[in-house]
Amino acid sequence: MNNLSYADDALIECVPNFSEGRDWKIIEAIHDTIAADGRCEVWDYSADADHNRSVFTIAGSPDAIENAVMRFTAKAAQLINMETHEGVHPCIGATDVVPFVPLRNVSMEDCIHLSEKVGKRIADELAIPVYLYANSAKTTAHKRLVDIRRGGYHKLTEEIAVVPDRAPDYGPKNLSSCGGVSIGARDFLIAFNVYLDTEDVKKAKKIAKSIRESSGGFPGLQAIGLLVNNYAQVSMNLLDYRKTSMKTIVSRIRKEAESENVKPLYTELIGMLPQDAISGTTPDELMLKDFSESRIIESRMK
């Protein structure tokens, strides 16, 4: 693949998700691998034991991001065994998803080209199946993560070689113990969860169904109901906060919860968000727990 050129101050955000949220030795080893050459900044990272998942927010030049992705994908493949993985969050691989988001002097098209280059390297150098998703998708079957992840690692193991839509874009048509990886370019995504004052996960699932786009709910919203830390949780990915605001979603969840005779306890932000995603509201109104200015992307770009 041809070498790509970028502006000297080009900046990309990368938000890799790993299928490990319980063993902090592994999570810290991945952190150290990301920061190994000092060219990428780790802006945020967190882990959840029930999801059994960790999420990092890192930033750097396109070249620095490319090298970091190769390092952390190799490290996660070495340390995380998907054959024995357990967790409530759907996933297909040790390094489950690697999105690229343009931040400064870099275009979405640049991020698409970078995802293709890095995806090909992962397949060729690490022999890991790679799915190009979001704006990088080459097929409609791979556009949405929910479709790539359907049935999780074990279902993909059965189907990768025999179901055409399940074949990877790059790499082998079989899964080793580290699984596969989805990689692509996208706009800002806001991952957040609302906890309810109940253990009844059926209520969370009912609320999630009522608000997500695929069931006729809000545009750009994905939502599922899970049981996390003994509380029902509405777990969400907001793909376009310009179409649907966090304020609108939280307000609707309040109403839906009331109809189920439960209440929202608090909102948990996973990773970071852009400043204008919370304009016109406040962290308190959104019930955001442990929120600070450091969780705003622009605060780290100064």
C-alpha atoms as a PDB file:
ATOM      1  CA  MET A   1       0.000   0.000   0.000  1.00  0.00           C
ATOM      2  CA  ASN A   2       1.313   3.466  -0.890  1.00  0.00           C
ATOM      3  CA  ASN A   3       2.837   5.622   1.820  1.00  0.00           C
ATOM      4  CA  LEU A   4       0.557   8.407   2.997  1.00  0.00           C
ATOM      5  CA  SER A   5       1.584  11.998   3.746  1.00  0.00           C
ATOM      6  CA  TYR A   6       0.092  14.294   6.387  1.00  0.00           C
ATOM      7  CA  ALA A   7       0.499  17.771   7.787  1.00  0.00           C
ATOM      8  CA  ASP A   8       3.204  18.074  10.456  1.00  0.00           C
ATOM      9  CA  ASP A   9       0.626  18.760  13.186  1.00  0.00           C
ATOM     10  CA  ALA A  10      -1.963  16.201  12.037  1.00  0.00           C
ATOM     11  CA  LEU A  11      -3.691  14.632  15.032  1.00  0.00           C
ATOM     12  CA  ILE A  12      -5.842  11.510  15.207  1.00  0.00           C
ATOM     13  CA  GLU A  13      -7.852  10.119  18.090  1.00  0.00           C
ATOM     14  CA  CYS A  14      -7.868   6.342  18.418  1.00  0.00           C
ATOM     15  CA  VAL A  15     -10.207   4.552  20.846  1.00  0.00           C
ATOM     16  CA  PRO A  16      -9.191   0.871  21.010  1.00  0.00           C
ATOM     17  CA  ASN A  17     -11.395  -1.528  22.973  1.00  0.00           C
ATOM     18  CA  PHE A  18      -9.819  -4.651  24.469  1.00  0.00           C
ATOM     19  CA  SER A  19     -11.587  -7.781  25.702  1.00  0.00           C
ATOM     20  CA  GLU A  20     -10.060  -7.600  29.175  1.00  0.00           C
ATOM     21  CA  GLY A  21     -11.534  -5.715  32.102  1.00  0.00           C
ATOM     22  CA  ARG A  22     -10.547  -7.819  35.104  1.00  0.00           C
ATOM     23  CA  ASP A  23      -6.809  -8.446  35.077  1.00  0.00           C
ATOM     24  CA  TRP A  24      -5.091  -5.117  35.675  1.00  0.00           C
ATOM     25  CA  LYS A  25      -1.679  -6.596  34.948  1.00  0.00           C
ATOM     26  CA  ILE A  26      -2.821  -7.197  31.377  1.00  0.00           C
ATOM     27  CA  ILE A  27      -4.495  -3.789  31.112  1.00  0.00           C
ATOM     28  CA  GLU A  28      -1.383  -2.019  32.388  1.00  0.00           C
ATOM     29  CA  ALA A  29       0.807  -4.053  30.028  1.00  0.00           C
ATOM     30  CA  ILE A  30      -1.314  -2.829  27.122  1.00  0.00           C
ATOM     31  CA  HIS A  31      -1.075   0.735  28.454  1.00  0.00           C
ATOM     32  CA  ASP A  32       2.712   0.506  28.625  1.00  0.00           C
ATOM     33  CA  THR A  33       2.845  -0.884  25.104  1.00  0.00           C
ATOM     34  CA  ILE A  34       0.789   2.032  23.743  1.00  0.00           C
ATOM     35  CA  ALA A  35       3.050   4.590  25.410  1.00  0.00           C
ATOM     36  CA  ALA A  36       6.272   2.725  24.663  1.00  0.00           C
ATOM     37  CA  ASP A  37       7.836   5.124  22.156  1.00  0.00           C
ATOM     38  CA  GLY A  38       6.525   8.342  23.741  1.00  0.00           C
ATOM     39  CA  ARG A  39       4.843   9.444  20.515  1.00  0.00           C
ATOM     40  CA  CYS A  40       1.235   8.722  21.527  1.00  0.00           C
ATOM     41  CA  GLU A  41      -0.549  10.235  24.509  1.00  0.00           C
ATOM     42  CA  VAL A  42      -2.944   8.115  26.555  1.00  0.00           C
ATOM     43  CA  TRP A  43      -5.708  10.593  27.345  1.00  0.00           C
ATOM     44  CA  ASP A  44      -8.015   8.210  29.180  1.00  0.00           C
ATOM     45  CA  TYR A  45      -8.555   4.551  29.945  1.00  0.00           C
ATOM     46  CA  SER A  46     -10.986   2.547  32.043  1.00  0.00           C
ATOM     47  CA  ALA A  47     -12.095  -1.033  32.564  1.00  0.00           C
ATOM     48  CA  ASP A  48     -15.201  -2.861  33.714  1.00  0.00           C
ATOM     49  CA  ALA A  49     -15.192  -6.379  35.123  1.00  0.00           C
ATOM     50  CA  ASP A  50     -18.758  -7.315  34.128  1.00  0.00           C
ATOM     51  CA  HIS A  51     -18.274  -6.110  30.571  1.00  0.00           C
ATOM     52  CA  ASN A  52     -14.769  -7.645  30.823  1.00  0.00           C
ATOM     53  CA  ARG A  53     -13.598  -4.836  28.612  1.00  0.00           C
ATOM     54  CA  SER A  54     -11.206  -1.903  28.714  1.00  0.00           C
ATOM     55  CA  VAL A  55     -11.383   1.244  26.601  1.00  0.00           C
ATOM     56  CA  PHE A  56      -8.452   3.539  25.861  1.00  0.00           C
ATOM     57  CA  THR A  57      -8.451   6.999  24.318  1.00  0.00           C
ATOM     58  CA  ILE A  58      -5.126   7.803  22.715  1.00  0.00           C
ATOM     59  CA  ALA A  59      -3.962  10.580  20.402  1.00  0.00           C
ATOM     60  CA  GLY A  60      -1.002  11.144  18.128  1.00  0.00           C
ATOM     61  CA  SER A  61       0.196  11.728  14.600  1.00  0.00           C
ATOM     62  CA  PRO A  62      -1.022   9.219  11.994  1.00  0.00           C
ATOM     63  CA  ASP A  63       2.387   7.511  11.916  1.00  0.00           C
ATOM     64  CA  ALA A  64       2.542   7.307  15.710  1.00  0.00           C
ATOM     65  CA  ILE A  65      -0.979   5.892  15.859  1.00  0.00           C
ATOM     66  CA  GLU A  66      -0.160   3.305  13.207  1.00  0.00           C
ATOM     67  CA  ASN A  67       2.848   2.036  15.145  1.00  0.00           C
ATOM     68  CA  ALA A  68       0.945   2.045  18.443  1.00  0.00           C
ATOM     69  CA  VAL A  69      -1.868  -0.020  16.916  1.00  0.00           C
ATOM     70  CA  MET A  70       0.596  -2.623  15.695  1.00  0.00           C
ATOM     71  CA  ARG A  71       2.201  -2.815  19.148  1.00  0.00           C
ATOM     72  CA  PHE A  72      -0.975  -3.047  21.203  1.00  0.00           C
ATOM     73  CA  THR A  73      -2.662  -5.501  18.820  1.00  0.00           C
ATOM     74  CA  ALA A  74       0.331  -7.822  19.087  1.00  0.00           C
ATOM     75  CA  LYS A  75       0.444  -7.465  22.877  1.00  0.00           C
ATOM     76  CA  ALA A  76      -3.279  -8.113  23.315  1.00  0.00           C
ATOM     77  CA  ALA A  77      -3.057 -11.167  21.042  1.00  0.00           C
ATOM     78  CA  GLN A  78      -0.300 -12.500  23.290  1.00  0.00           C
ATOM     79  CA  LEU A  79      -2.090 -11.867  26.595  1.00  0.00           C
ATOM     80  CA  ILE A  80      -5.856 -12.302  25.965  1.00  0.00           C
ATOM     81  CA  ASN A  81      -7.441 -15.685  25.216  1.00  0.00           C
ATOM     82  CA  MET A  82     -10.845 -15.349  23.564  1.00  0.00           C
ATOM     83  CA  GLU A  83     -11.533 -19.071  23.912  1.00  0.00           C
ATOM     84  CA  THR A  84     -12.002 -18.614  27.661  1.00  0.00           C
ATOM     85  CA  HIS A  85     -13.267 -15.019  27.613  1.00  0.00           C
ATOM     86  CA  GLU A  86     -16.471 -14.269  29.518  1.00  0.00           C
ATOM     87  CA  GLY A  87     -18.286 -10.931  29.706  1.00  0.00           C
ATOM     88  CA  VAL A  88     -21.667  -9.325  29.066  1.00  0.00           C
ATOM     89  CA  HIS A  89     -20.398  -7.098  26.241  1.00  0.00           C
ATOM     90  CA  PRO A  90     -20.379  -8.672  22.754  1.00  0.00           C
ATOM     91  CA  CYS A  91     -16.920  -8.980  21.186  1.00  0.00           C
ATOM     92  CA  ILE A  92     -14.932 -10.927  18.588  1.00  0.00           C
ATOM     93  CA  GLY A  93     -11.314 -10.355  19.531  1.00  0.00           C
ATOM     94  CA  ALA A  94      -8.628  -9.507  22.058  1.00  0.00           C
ATOM     95  CA  THR A  95      -8.231  -6.129  20.372  1.00  0.00           C
ATOM     96  CA  ASP A  96     -11.919  -5.930  19.551  1.00  0.00           C
ATOM     97  CA  VAL A  97     -12.255  -2.630  17.748  1.00  0.00           C
ATOM     98  CA  VAL A  98      -9.875   0.138  16.644  1.00  0.00           C
ATOM     99  CA  PRO A  99     -11.575   3.346  15.447  1.00  0.00           C
ATOM    100  CA  PHE A 100      -9.738   6.345  13.982  1.00  0.00           C
ATOM    101  CA  VAL A 101     -11.251   9.810  14.446  1.00  0.00           C
ATOM    102  CA  PRO A 102      -9.839  12.901  12.688  1.00  0.00           C
ATOM    103  CA  LEU A 103      -9.010  15.691  15.138  1.00  0.00           C
ATOM    104  CA  ARG A 104      -6.671  18.230  13.525  1.00  0.00           C
ATOM    105  CA  ASN A 105      -5.396  18.763   9.975  1.00  0.00           C
ATOM    106  CA  VAL A 106      -6.450  15.280   8.938  1.00  0.00           C
ATOM    107  CA  SER A 107      -9.554  14.297   6.995  1.00  0.00           C
ATOM    108  CA  MET A 108     -11.985  11.407   7.280  1.00  0.00           C
ATOM    109  CA  GLU A 109     -10.613  10.160   3.968  1.00  0.00           C
ATOM    110  CA  ASP A 110      -7.115  10.178   5.481  1.00  0.00           C
ATOM    111  CA  CYS A 111      -8.388   8.067   8.377  1.00  0.00           C
ATOM    112  CA  ILE A 112     -10.044   5.649   5.966  1.00  0.00           C
ATOM    113  CA  HIS A 113      -6.775   5.196   4.074  1.00  0.00           C
ATOM    114  CA  LEU A 114      -4.906   4.734   7.358  1.00  0.00           C
ATOM    115  CA  SER A 115      -7.379   2.101   8.570  1.00  0.00           C
ATOM    116  CA  GLU A 116      -6.876   0.177   5.334  1.00  0.00           C
ATOM    117  CA  LYS A 117      -3.097   0.373   5.658  1.00  0.00           C
ATOM    118  CA  VAL A 118      -3.065  -0.682   9.305  1.00  0.00           C
ATOM    119  CA  GLY A 119      -5.678  -3.374   8.735  1.00  0.00           C
ATOM    120  CA  LYS A 120      -3.573  -4.892   5.981  1.00  0.00           C
ATOM    121  CA  ARG A 121      -0.485  -4.814   8.228  1.00  0.00           C
ATOM    122  CA  ILE A 122      -2.346  -6.537  11.075  1.00  0.00           C
ATOM    123  CA  ALA A 123      -3.489  -9.274   8.694  1.00  0.00           C
ATOM    124  CA  ASP A 124      -0.090  -9.731   7.030  1.00  0.00           C
ATOM    125  CA  GLU A 125       2.207  -9.364  10.036  1.00  0.00           C
ATOM    126  CA  LEU A 126       0.051 -10.818  12.825  1.00  0.00           C
ATOM    127  CA  ALA A 127      -2.174 -13.220  10.846  1.00  0.00           C
ATOM    128  CA  ILE A 128      -5.312 -11.795  12.483  1.00  0.00           C
ATOM    129  CA  PRO A 129      -8.589 -11.494  10.526  1.00  0.00           C
ATOM    130  CA  VAL A 130      -9.518  -7.833  10.009  1.00  0.00           C
ATOM    131  CA  TYR A 131     -12.955  -6.326   9.376  1.00  0.00           C
ATOM    132  CA  LEU A 132     -13.157  -2.809   7.966  1.00  0.00           C
ATOM    133  CA  TYR A 133     -16.176  -1.091   9.510  1.00  0.00           C
ATOM    134  CA  ALA A 134     -17.933   2.299   9.738  1.00  0.00           C
ATOM    135  CA  ASN A 135     -16.715   4.727   7.052  1.00  0.00           C
ATOM    136  CA  SER A 136     -14.011   2.248   6.031  1.00  0.00           C
ATOM    137  CA  ALA A 137     -16.460  -0.585   5.315  1.00  0.00           C
ATOM    138  CA  LYS A 138     -16.182  -2.196   1.896  1.00  0.00           C
ATOM    139  CA  THR A 139     -19.425  -4.142   2.339  1.00  0.00           C
ATOM    140  CA  THR A 140     -22.745  -3.285   3.982  1.00  0.00           C
ATOM    141  CA  ALA A 141     -22.450  -6.437   6.097  1.00  0.00           C
ATOM    142  CA  HIS A 142     -19.430  -4.907   7.866  1.00  0.00           C
ATOM    143  CA  LYS A 143     -20.707  -1.336   8.212  1.00  0.00           C
ATOM    144  CA  ARG A 144     -22.065  -1.802  11.728  1.00  0.00           C
ATOM    145  CA  LEU A 145     -20.142  -3.307  14.620  1.00  0.00           C
ATOM    146  CA  VAL A 146     -23.318  -4.960  15.877  1.00  0.00           C
ATOM    147  CA  ASP A 147     -23.412  -7.071  12.696  1.00  0.00           C
ATOM    148  CA  ILE A 148     -19.739  -8.021  12.864  1.00  0.00           C
ATOM    149  CA  ARG A 149     -20.086  -8.953  16.538  1.00  0.00           C
ATOM    150  CA  ARG A 150     -23.352 -10.844  16.264  1.00  0.00           C
ATOM    151  CA  GLY A 151     -22.980 -14.095  18.203  1.00  0.00           C
ATOM    152  CA  GLY A 152     -19.548 -13.085  19.463  1.00  0.00           C
ATOM    153  CA  TYR A 153     -16.222 -14.837  19.067  1.00  0.00           C
ATOM    154  CA  HIS A 154     -17.545 -18.395  19.222  1.00  0.00           C
ATOM    155  CA  LYS A 155     -20.238 -17.842  16.571  1.00  0.00           C
ATOM    156  CA  LEU A 156     -17.718 -16.139  14.302  1.00  0.00           C
ATOM    157  CA  THR A 157     -15.400 -19.128  14.727  1.00  0.00           C
ATOM    158  CA  GLU A 158     -18.142 -21.302  13.219  1.00  0.00           C
ATOM    159  CA  GLU A 159     -19.121 -18.944  10.399  1.00  0.00           C
ATOM    160  CA  ILE A 160     -15.986 -17.102   9.267  1.00  0.00           C
ATOM    161  CA  ALA A 161     -15.038 -19.673   6.620  1.00  0.00           C
ATOM    162  CA  VAL A 162     -18.513 -20.691   5.440  1.00  0.00           C
ATOM    163  CA  VAL A 163     -20.772 -17.595   5.541  1.00  0.00           C
ATOM    164  CA  PRO A 164     -19.736 -15.049   2.876  1.00  0.00           C
ATOM    165  CA  ASP A 165     -20.762 -11.968   4.889  1.00  0.00           C
ATOM    166  CA  ARG A 166     -18.662 -13.204   7.803  1.00  0.00           C
ATOM    167  CA  ALA A 167     -15.431 -13.426   5.823  1.00  0.00           C
ATOM    168  CA  PRO A 168     -12.834 -10.811   6.844  1.00  0.00           C
ATOM    169  CA  ASP A 169     -11.652  -8.046   4.539  1.00  0.00           C
ATOM    170  CA  TYR A 170      -8.036  -8.981   5.231  1.00  0.00           C
ATOM    171  CA  GLY A 171      -6.355 -11.973   6.776  1.00  0.00           C
ATOM    172  CA  PRO A 172      -7.144 -15.649   7.350  1.00  0.00           C
ATOM    173  CA  LYS A 173     -10.644 -17.137   7.323  1.00  0.00           C
ATOM    174  CA  ASN A 174     -10.126 -18.724  10.695  1.00  0.00           C
ATOM    175  CA  LEU A 175      -9.803 -17.471  14.249  1.00  0.00           C
ATOM    176  CA  SER A 176      -6.972 -18.198  16.631  1.00  0.00           C
ATOM    177  CA  SER A 177      -7.328 -17.648  20.374  1.00  0.00           C
ATOM    178  CA  CYS A 178      -6.952 -13.871  19.901  1.00  0.00           C
ATOM    179  CA  GLY A 179      -9.955 -13.642  17.550  1.00  0.00           C
ATOM    180  CA  GLY A 180     -10.433 -10.910  14.982  1.00  0.00           C
ATOM    181  CA  VAL A 181     -10.336  -7.113  14.991  1.00  0.00           C
ATOM    182  CA  SER A 182     -12.638  -4.460  13.540  1.00  0.00           C
ATOM    183  CA  ILE A 183     -10.874  -1.324  12.357  1.00  0.00           C
ATOM    184  CA  GLY A 184     -12.254   1.774  10.699  1.00  0.00           C
ATOM    185  CA  ALA A 185     -12.661   5.524  10.449  1.00  0.00           C
ATOM    186  CA  ARG A 186     -15.605   7.248  12.098  1.00  0.00           C
ATOM    187  CA  ASP A 187     -16.800  10.509  13.585  1.00  0.00           C
ATOM    188  CA  PHE A 188     -17.026  11.058  17.334  1.00  0.00           C
ATOM    189  CA  LEU A 189     -18.917   8.333  19.176  1.00  0.00           C
ATOM    190  CA  ILE A 190     -20.140   8.832  22.725  1.00  0.00           C
ATOM    191  CA  ALA A 191     -20.257   5.648  24.794  1.00  0.00           C
ATOM    192  CA  PHE A 192     -22.270   5.991  27.970  1.00  0.00           C
ATOM    193  CA  ASN A 193     -24.359   3.880  30.313  1.00  0.00           C
ATOM    194  CA  VAL A 194     -27.320   4.638  32.536  1.00  0.00           C
ATOM    195  CA  TYR A 195     -27.668   2.523  35.673  1.00  0.00           C
ATOM    196  CA  LEU A 196     -31.131   1.780  37.071  1.00  0.00           C
ATOM    197  CA  ASP A 197     -32.098   1.135  40.688  1.00  0.00           C
ATOM    198  CA  THR A 198     -33.048  -2.471  39.981  1.00  0.00           C
ATOM    199  CA  GLU A 199     -31.504  -5.848  39.240  1.00  0.00           C
ATOM    200  CA  ASP A 200     -34.263  -6.583  36.739  1.00  0.00           C
ATOM    201  CA  VAL A 201     -32.327  -6.557  33.472  1.00  0.00           C
ATOM    202  CA  LYS A 202     -35.565  -7.087  31.538  1.00  0.00           C
ATOM    203  CA  LYS A 203     -36.487  -3.492  32.345  1.00  0.00           C
ATOM    204  CA  ALA A 204     -33.163  -2.235  30.967  1.00  0.00           C
ATOM    205  CA  LYS A 205     -33.626  -4.304  27.821  1.00  0.00           C
ATOM    206  CA  LYS A 206     -37.145  -2.942  27.353  1.00  0.00           C
ATOM    207  CA  ILE A 207     -35.929   0.639  27.734  1.00  0.00           C
ATOM    208  CA  ALA A 208     -33.008   0.011  25.376  1.00  0.00           C
ATOM    209  CA  LYS A 209     -35.355  -1.356  22.726  1.00  0.00           C
ATOM    210  CA  SER A 210     -37.631   1.669  23.016  1.00  0.00           C
ATOM    211  CA  ILE A 211     -34.838   4.197  22.429  1.00  0.00           C
ATOM    212  CA  ARG A 212     -32.449   2.636  19.906  1.00  0.00           C
ATOM    213  CA  GLU A 213     -32.613   3.505  16.228  1.00  0.00           C
ATOM    214  CA  SER A 214     -32.919  -0.098  15.027  1.00  0.00           C
ATOM    215  CA  SER A 215     -36.199  -0.455  16.916  1.00  0.00           C
ATOM    216  CA  GLY A 216     -37.630   2.858  15.739  1.00  0.00           C
ATOM    217  CA  GLY A 217     -36.055   5.039  18.429  1.00  0.00           C
ATOM    218  CA  PHE A 218     -33.562   7.868  18.257  1.00  0.00           C
ATOM    219  CA  PRO A 219     -31.400   8.368  15.146  1.00  0.00           C
ATOM    220  CA  GLY A 220     -27.779   7.335  15.616  1.00  0.00           C
ATOM    221  CA  LEU A 221     -28.364   5.540  18.921  1.00  0.00           C
ATOM    222  CA  GLN A 222     -27.436   1.948  19.683  1.00  0.00           C
ATOM    223  CA  ALA A 223     -28.589   0.529  23.025  1.00  0.00           C
ATOM    224  CA  ILE A 224     -28.715  -2.783  24.861  1.00  0.00           C
ATOM    225  CA  GLY A 225     -29.757  -3.812  28.360  1.00  0.00           C
ATOM    226  CA  LEU A 226     -27.208  -5.535  30.593  1.00  0.00           C
ATOM    227  CA  LEU A 227     -26.720  -6.578  34.209  1.00  0.00           C
ATOM    228  CA  VAL A 228     -23.605  -4.838  35.563  1.00  0.00           C
ATOM    229  CA  ASN A 229     -22.443  -4.683  39.187  1.00  0.00           C
ATOM    230  CA  ASN A 230     -25.828  -6.119  40.214  1.00  0.00           C
ATOM    231  CA  TYR A 231     -27.691  -3.250  38.578  1.00  0.00           C
ATOM    232  CA  ALA A 232     -29.643  -3.159  35.339  1.00  0.00           C
ATOM    233  CA  GLN A 233     -27.796  -0.973  32.860  1.00  0.00           C
ATOM    234  CA  VAL A 234     -28.825   0.674  29.607  1.00  0.00           C
ATOM    235  CA  SER A 235     -25.558   0.559  27.654  1.00  0.00           C
ATOM    236  CA  MET A 236     -25.388   2.948  24.695  1.00  0.00           C
ATOM    237  CA  ASN A 237     -23.302   4.124  21.777  1.00  0.00           C
ATOM    238  CA  LEU A 238     -24.377   7.478  20.392  1.00  0.00           C
ATOM    239  CA  LEU A 239     -23.106   7.576  16.819  1.00  0.00           C
ATOM    240  CA  ASP A 240     -24.266  11.107  16.002  1.00  0.00           C
ATOM    241  CA  TYR A 241     -24.763  13.490  18.920  1.00  0.00           C
ATOM    242  CA  ARG A 242     -25.713  16.234  16.447  1.00  0.00           C
ATOM    243  CA  LYS A 243     -28.855  14.325  15.476  1.00  0.00           C
ATOM    244  CA  THR A 244     -29.729  13.133  18.977  1.00  0.00           C
ATOM    245  CA  SER A 245     -28.405  14.803  22.102  1.00  0.00           C
ATOM    246  CA  MET A 246     -27.389  13.124  25.324  1.00  0.00           C
ATOM    247  CA  LYS A 247     -29.876  15.377  27.086  1.00  0.00           C
ATOM    248  CA  THR A 248     -32.717  14.050  24.944  1.00  0.00           C
ATOM    249  CA  ILE A 249     -31.705  10.456  25.576  1.00  0.00           C
ATOM    250  CA  VAL A 250     -31.320  10.781  29.343  1.00  0.00           C
ATOM    251  CA  SER A 251     -34.646  12.610  29.569  1.00  0.00           C
ATOM    252  CA  ARG A 252     -36.356   9.807  27.662  1.00  0.00           C
ATOM    253  CA  ILE A 253     -34.757   7.143  29.845  1.00  0.00           C
ATOM    254  CA  ARG A 254     -36.065   8.941  32.924  1.00  0.00           C
ATOM    255  CA  LYS A 255     -39.602   8.735  31.504  1.00  0.00           C
ATOM    256  CA  GLU A 256     -39.278   5.136  30.373  1.00  0.00           C
ATOM    257  CA  ALA A 257     -37.845   4.127  33.742  1.00  0.00           C
ATOM    258  CA  GLU A 258     -40.712   5.807  35.561  1.00  0.00           C
ATOM    259  CA  SER A 259     -43.184   3.803  33.501  1.00  0.00           C
ATOM    260  CA  GLU A 260     -41.327   0.663  34.668  1.00  0.00           C
ATOM    261  CA  ASN A 261     -41.480   1.842  38.312  1.00  0.00           C
ATOM    262  CA  VAL A 262     -37.712   2.281  38.534  1.00  0.00           C
ATOM    263  CA  LYS A 263     -35.344   5.261  38.546  1.00  0.00           C
ATOM    264  CA  PRO A 264     -32.012   6.059  36.909  1.00  0.00           C
ATOM    265  CA  LEU A 265     -29.196   6.154  39.456  1.00  0.00           C
ATOM    266  CA  TYR A 266     -26.419   7.780  37.439  1.00  0.00           C
ATOM    267  CA  THR A 267     -24.810   8.018  34.025  1.00  0.00           C
ATOM    268  CA  GLU A 268     -21.347   6.638  33.311  1.00  0.00           C
ATOM    269  CA  LEU A 269     -19.270   8.075  30.467  1.00  0.00           C
ATOM    270  CA  ILE A 270     -16.843   5.659  28.819  1.00  0.00           C
ATOM    271  CA  GLY A 271     -13.869   7.488  27.369  1.00  0.00           C
ATOM    272  CA  MET A 272     -14.210  11.099  26.284  1.00  0.00           C
ATOM    273  CA  LEU A 273     -16.532  13.408  24.375  1.00  0.00           C
ATOM    274  CA  PRO A 274     -16.368  16.661  22.367  1.00  0.00           C
ATOM    275  CA  GLN A 275     -17.259  19.930  24.066  1.00  0.00           C
ATOM    276  CA  ASP A 276     -20.373  20.661  22.022  1.00  0.00           C
ATOM    277  CA  ALA A 277     -21.872  17.273  22.939  1.00  0.00           C
ATOM    278  CA  ILE A 278     -22.785  18.729  26.334  1.00  0.00           C
ATOM    279  CA  SER A 279     -23.598  22.293  25.280  1.00  0.00           C
ATOM    280  CA  GLY A 280     -27.015  23.359  26.490  1.00  0.00           C
ATOM    281  CA  THR A 281     -26.912  21.003  29.446  1.00  0.00           C
ATOM    282  CA  THR A 282     -24.798  20.205  32.508  1.00  0.00           C
ATOM    283  CA  PRO A 283     -23.107  17.103  33.880  1.00  0.00           C
ATOM    284  CA  ASP A 284     -25.582  17.164  36.763  1.00  0.00           C
ATOM    285  CA  GLU A 285     -28.563  17.222  34.422  1.00  0.00           C
ATOM    286  CA  LEU A 286     -27.083  14.264  32.586  1.00  0.00           C
ATOM    287  CA  MET A 287     -26.383  12.519  35.930  1.00  0.00           C
ATOM    288  CA  LEU A 288     -22.756  12.060  34.881  1.00  0.00           C
ATOM    289  CA  LYS A 289     -20.706  10.429  37.609  1.00  0.00           C
ATOM    290  CA  ASP A 290     -17.050  11.388  38.151  1.00  0.00           C
ATOM    291  CA  PHE A 291     -17.071  13.840  35.250  1.00  0.00           C
ATOM    292  CA  SER A 292     -14.364  16.470  34.857  1.00  0.00           C
ATOM    293  CA  GLU A 293     -13.031  18.814  32.180  1.00  0.00           C
ATOM    294  CA  SER A 294     -10.279  16.285  31.434  1.00  0.00           C
ATOM    295  CA  ARG A 295     -12.959  14.076  29.819  1.00  0.00           C
ATOM    296  CA  ILE A 296     -13.547  16.749  27.157  1.00  0.00           C
ATOM    297  CA  ILE A 297     -11.463  16.153  24.037  1.00  0.00           C
ATOM    298  CA  GLU A 298     -10.716  19.815  23.370  1.00  0.00           C
ATOM    299  CA  SER A 299      -9.222  20.215  26.844  1.00  0.00           C
ATOM    300  CA  ARG A 300      -6.439  17.812  25.871  1.00  0.00           C
ATOM    301  CA  MET A 301      -5.757  19.470  22.512  1.00  0.00           C
ATOM    302  CA  LYS A 302      -4.766  22.838  23.987  1.00  0.00           C
END
